N, C-alpha and C. Protein backbone atom coordinates (compact mmCIF):
# COMPACT_ATOMS: atom_id res chain seq x y z
N MET A 1 -18.40 26.68 13.20
CA MET A 1 -17.92 25.93 14.53
C MET A 1 -19.12 26.20 15.60
N ASN A 2 -19.48 25.13 16.28
CA ASN A 2 -20.47 25.10 17.25
C ASN A 2 -20.20 25.58 18.49
N LYS A 3 -20.65 26.43 19.24
CA LYS A 3 -20.24 27.06 20.31
C LYS A 3 -20.40 26.25 21.47
N LYS A 4 -21.46 25.34 21.43
CA LYS A 4 -21.77 24.35 22.45
C LYS A 4 -20.78 23.21 22.57
N PHE A 5 -20.30 22.68 21.37
CA PHE A 5 -19.32 21.74 21.37
C PHE A 5 -18.05 21.95 20.53
N PRO A 6 -17.30 22.82 21.14
CA PRO A 6 -15.96 23.29 20.29
C PRO A 6 -15.20 21.88 20.04
N VAL A 7 -14.97 21.06 21.01
CA VAL A 7 -14.16 20.00 20.71
C VAL A 7 -14.69 18.92 19.51
N LEU A 8 -15.72 18.81 19.66
CA LEU A 8 -16.39 17.81 18.52
C LEU A 8 -16.42 18.58 17.18
N SER A 9 -16.70 19.91 17.28
CA SER A 9 -16.61 20.70 15.91
C SER A 9 -15.06 20.51 15.41
N VAL A 10 -14.02 20.55 16.22
CA VAL A 10 -12.86 20.44 15.86
C VAL A 10 -12.36 19.22 15.58
N VAL A 11 -12.97 18.13 16.05
CA VAL A 11 -12.77 16.52 15.69
C VAL A 11 -13.51 16.44 14.11
N SER A 12 -14.75 17.00 14.21
CA SER A 12 -15.28 16.74 12.63
C SER A 12 -14.37 17.51 11.48
N ILE A 13 -13.58 18.53 11.96
CA ILE A 13 -12.87 19.44 10.99
C ILE A 13 -11.68 18.36 10.60
N ILE A 14 -11.18 18.07 11.54
CA ILE A 14 -9.87 17.18 11.49
C ILE A 14 -10.34 15.74 10.79
N LEU A 15 -11.42 15.10 11.25
CA LEU A 15 -11.69 14.07 10.27
C LEU A 15 -11.94 14.15 8.75
N ARG A 16 -12.48 15.44 8.51
CA ARG A 16 -12.68 15.71 7.04
C ARG A 16 -11.38 15.90 6.32
N GLY A 17 -10.66 16.68 7.04
CA GLY A 17 -9.13 16.82 6.50
C GLY A 17 -8.54 15.49 6.40
N PHE A 18 -8.36 14.89 7.41
CA PHE A 18 -7.54 13.54 7.23
C PHE A 18 -8.19 12.60 6.15
N GLY A 19 -9.67 12.59 6.07
CA GLY A 19 -10.27 11.73 5.16
C GLY A 19 -10.12 12.30 3.63
N TRP A 20 -10.16 13.63 3.55
CA TRP A 20 -9.75 14.05 2.02
C TRP A 20 -8.36 13.78 1.65
N LEU A 21 -7.61 14.06 2.86
CA LEU A 21 -6.07 13.72 2.37
C LEU A 21 -5.74 12.46 2.05
N ALA A 22 -6.47 11.20 2.62
CA ALA A 22 -6.29 9.99 2.51
C ALA A 22 -6.66 9.70 1.03
N VAL A 23 -7.96 10.13 0.72
CA VAL A 23 -8.42 10.09 -0.91
C VAL A 23 -7.46 10.59 -1.75
N ILE A 24 -6.91 11.71 -1.63
CA ILE A 24 -5.88 12.18 -2.53
C ILE A 24 -4.60 11.21 -2.63
N ILE A 25 -4.18 10.88 -1.48
CA ILE A 25 -3.12 9.89 -1.44
C ILE A 25 -3.44 8.88 -2.13
N GLY A 26 -4.43 8.18 -1.80
CA GLY A 26 -4.90 6.93 -2.50
C GLY A 26 -4.94 7.06 -3.99
N LEU A 27 -5.90 8.27 -4.28
CA LEU A 27 -5.82 8.34 -5.92
C LEU A 27 -4.38 8.62 -6.47
N TYR A 28 -3.43 9.14 -5.86
CA TYR A 28 -2.25 9.38 -6.42
C TYR A 28 -1.53 8.00 -6.50
N CYS A 29 -1.67 7.06 -5.45
CA CYS A 29 -0.99 5.78 -5.51
C CYS A 29 -1.83 5.01 -6.80
N LEU A 30 -2.94 4.97 -6.74
CA LEU A 30 -3.54 4.25 -8.06
C LEU A 30 -3.16 4.75 -9.52
N THR A 31 -2.94 6.19 -9.33
CA THR A 31 -2.61 6.55 -10.66
C THR A 31 -1.06 6.35 -11.03
N TYR A 32 -0.22 6.62 -9.95
CA TYR A 32 1.16 6.49 -10.27
C TYR A 32 1.62 4.87 -10.50
N TYR A 33 1.09 3.99 -9.59
CA TYR A 33 1.60 2.74 -9.64
C TYR A 33 0.58 2.02 -10.58
N GLY A 34 -0.41 2.19 -10.89
CA GLY A 34 -1.16 1.58 -12.03
C GLY A 34 -1.13 2.13 -13.54
N LEU A 35 -0.90 3.51 -13.60
CA LEU A 35 -0.76 3.87 -14.82
C LEU A 35 0.74 4.36 -15.32
N ILE A 36 1.30 4.88 -14.45
CA ILE A 36 2.55 5.77 -14.88
C ILE A 36 3.65 4.84 -14.86
N GLU A 37 3.95 4.35 -13.76
CA GLU A 37 5.24 3.12 -13.52
C GLU A 37 5.16 2.11 -14.33
N PRO A 38 4.24 1.41 -14.72
CA PRO A 38 4.40 0.21 -15.49
C PRO A 38 4.75 0.89 -17.25
N ASN A 39 4.37 1.99 -17.34
CA ASN A 39 4.61 2.42 -18.85
C ASN A 39 6.22 3.20 -18.93
N MET A 40 6.89 3.04 -17.72
CA MET A 40 8.38 3.84 -17.88
C MET A 40 9.27 2.65 -18.35
N ALA A 41 10.34 3.01 -18.89
CA ALA A 41 11.42 2.40 -19.62
C ALA A 41 11.84 1.45 -18.40
N GLY A 42 12.03 0.12 -18.73
CA GLY A 42 12.55 -0.94 -17.75
C GLY A 42 11.50 -1.45 -16.61
N HIS A 43 10.40 -0.92 -16.55
CA HIS A 43 9.37 -1.53 -15.53
C HIS A 43 8.45 -2.45 -16.10
N SER A 44 7.83 -3.00 -15.59
CA SER A 44 6.58 -3.97 -15.99
C SER A 44 5.59 -4.12 -15.04
N PHE A 45 4.41 -4.31 -15.38
CA PHE A 45 3.17 -4.53 -14.29
C PHE A 45 3.36 -5.98 -13.65
N GLY A 46 3.76 -5.77 -12.42
CA GLY A 46 3.87 -7.31 -11.54
C GLY A 46 3.01 -7.37 -10.53
N PRO A 47 3.17 -8.46 -9.56
CA PRO A 47 2.39 -8.71 -8.56
C PRO A 47 2.60 -7.42 -7.44
N GLY A 48 3.82 -6.91 -7.20
CA GLY A 48 3.95 -5.67 -6.49
C GLY A 48 3.05 -4.46 -6.80
N ASN A 49 2.91 -4.16 -8.18
CA ASN A 49 2.01 -3.17 -8.46
C ASN A 49 0.66 -3.52 -8.21
N ARG A 50 0.24 -4.56 -8.36
CA ARG A 50 -1.26 -5.19 -7.94
C ARG A 50 -1.45 -4.74 -6.39
N THR A 51 -0.52 -5.16 -5.58
CA THR A 51 -0.62 -4.87 -4.22
C THR A 51 -0.52 -3.37 -4.05
N GLU A 52 0.11 -2.40 -4.76
CA GLU A 52 0.06 -1.11 -4.52
C GLU A 52 -1.36 -0.40 -4.97
N ILE A 53 -1.79 -0.93 -5.93
CA ILE A 53 -3.01 -0.48 -6.44
C ILE A 53 -4.22 -0.78 -5.58
N LEU A 54 -3.91 -1.95 -4.95
CA LEU A 54 -5.20 -2.29 -4.11
C LEU A 54 -4.97 -1.55 -2.53
N GLN A 55 -3.84 -1.16 -2.18
CA GLN A 55 -3.63 -0.37 -1.24
C GLN A 55 -4.32 0.94 -1.46
N GLY A 56 -4.07 1.56 -2.65
CA GLY A 56 -4.60 2.90 -3.17
C GLY A 56 -6.03 2.84 -2.88
N VAL A 57 -6.65 1.68 -3.60
CA VAL A 57 -8.21 1.61 -3.43
C VAL A 57 -8.65 1.74 -2.11
N ILE A 58 -8.12 0.84 -1.31
CA ILE A 58 -8.42 0.66 0.21
C ILE A 58 -8.32 2.05 0.87
N LEU A 59 -7.31 2.71 0.47
CA LEU A 59 -6.90 4.19 1.35
C LEU A 59 -7.86 5.11 0.84
N SER A 60 -8.13 4.96 -0.44
CA SER A 60 -9.24 6.08 -1.23
C SER A 60 -10.61 5.87 -0.38
N PHE A 61 -10.91 4.41 -0.06
CA PHE A 61 -12.24 4.15 0.34
C PHE A 61 -12.26 4.44 1.79
N SER A 62 -11.36 4.15 2.46
CA SER A 62 -11.36 4.37 3.90
C SER A 62 -11.32 5.96 4.14
N GLY A 63 -10.62 6.72 3.36
CA GLY A 63 -10.63 8.04 3.25
C GLY A 63 -12.04 8.61 3.08
N LEU A 64 -12.60 8.11 2.15
CA LEU A 64 -14.08 8.60 2.07
C LEU A 64 -14.80 8.23 3.27
N ILE A 65 -14.75 7.20 3.94
CA ILE A 65 -15.42 6.82 4.95
C ILE A 65 -15.18 7.61 6.19
N VAL A 66 -13.98 8.09 6.45
CA VAL A 66 -13.58 8.86 7.50
C VAL A 66 -14.16 10.43 7.22
N ALA A 67 -13.97 10.95 5.78
CA ALA A 67 -14.41 12.25 5.57
C ALA A 67 -16.10 12.17 5.94
N VAL A 68 -16.86 11.28 5.68
CA VAL A 68 -18.36 11.06 5.52
C VAL A 68 -18.72 11.34 7.14
N PHE A 69 -17.74 10.46 7.97
CA PHE A 69 -18.09 10.66 9.55
C PHE A 69 -17.92 12.10 10.04
N GLY A 70 -16.98 12.78 9.31
CA GLY A 70 -16.88 14.14 9.83
C GLY A 70 -17.76 15.09 9.23
N GLU A 71 -18.41 14.73 7.99
CA GLU A 71 -19.49 15.28 7.51
C GLU A 71 -20.92 15.14 8.55
N ILE A 72 -21.06 13.95 8.83
CA ILE A 72 -22.26 13.55 9.62
C ILE A 72 -22.47 14.38 10.72
N ILE A 73 -21.03 14.49 11.58
CA ILE A 73 -21.08 15.27 12.75
C ILE A 73 -21.47 16.86 12.35
N GLY A 74 -20.97 17.12 11.25
CA GLY A 74 -21.34 18.76 10.63
C GLY A 74 -23.07 18.65 10.28
N VAL A 75 -23.57 17.86 9.96
CA VAL A 75 -25.02 17.63 9.57
C VAL A 75 -25.70 17.54 10.80
N LEU A 76 -25.12 16.81 11.76
CA LEU A 76 -26.14 16.71 13.03
C LEU A 76 -26.06 18.07 13.76
N PHE A 77 -25.05 19.01 13.68
CA PHE A 77 -24.92 20.09 14.55
C PHE A 77 -25.84 21.15 13.62
N ALA A 78 -26.02 20.94 12.19
CA ALA A 78 -27.01 21.96 11.65
C ALA A 78 -28.36 21.45 11.88
N ILE A 79 -28.77 20.18 12.12
CA ILE A 79 -30.03 19.93 12.54
C ILE A 79 -30.25 20.24 13.88
N GLU A 80 -29.55 20.26 14.83
CA GLU A 80 -29.66 20.87 16.31
C GLU A 80 -29.86 22.32 16.07
N GLU A 81 -29.03 23.08 15.33
CA GLU A 81 -29.24 24.44 15.24
C GLU A 81 -30.90 24.77 14.71
N ASN A 82 -30.99 24.10 13.50
CA ASN A 82 -32.47 24.45 12.94
C ASN A 82 -33.45 24.13 14.07
N THR A 83 -33.32 22.99 14.79
CA THR A 83 -34.27 22.62 15.50
C THR A 83 -34.55 23.66 16.75
N ARG A 84 -33.35 24.23 17.30
CA ARG A 84 -33.42 25.47 18.17
C ARG A 84 -34.19 26.61 17.35
N LYS A 85 -33.77 27.05 16.42
CA LYS A 85 -34.53 28.21 15.90
C LYS A 85 -35.76 27.91 15.73
N ALA A 86 -36.32 26.70 15.24
CA ALA A 86 -37.81 26.36 15.06
C ALA A 86 -38.48 26.36 16.36
N ALA A 87 -37.96 25.91 17.48
CA ALA A 87 -38.26 25.96 18.81
C ALA A 87 -38.55 27.40 19.32
N ASN A 88 -37.69 28.21 19.22
CA ASN A 88 -37.68 29.29 19.47
C ASN A 88 -38.85 30.51 18.75
N LYS A 89 -39.24 30.11 17.98
CA LYS A 89 -40.03 31.12 17.04
C LYS A 89 -41.49 31.22 17.56
């Protein structure tokens, strides 16, 4: 947690949390609707399943993007801290 920018630190943590949550939900959709549900008795792979698989891919990809933005904020904080330490030596 950065003491100079506490709100931005919290935003970074929230972005990482929501990003990874979206990745997990997206992978669940991919696994369930792509592998498990079409193999159940009385089900077949249809256009609806393709749409749900595409939604899982999009959700996973966008979750990764959101998590990356949260990580970028953390990296910028680390760069700022290391620059201050180097300047104070």
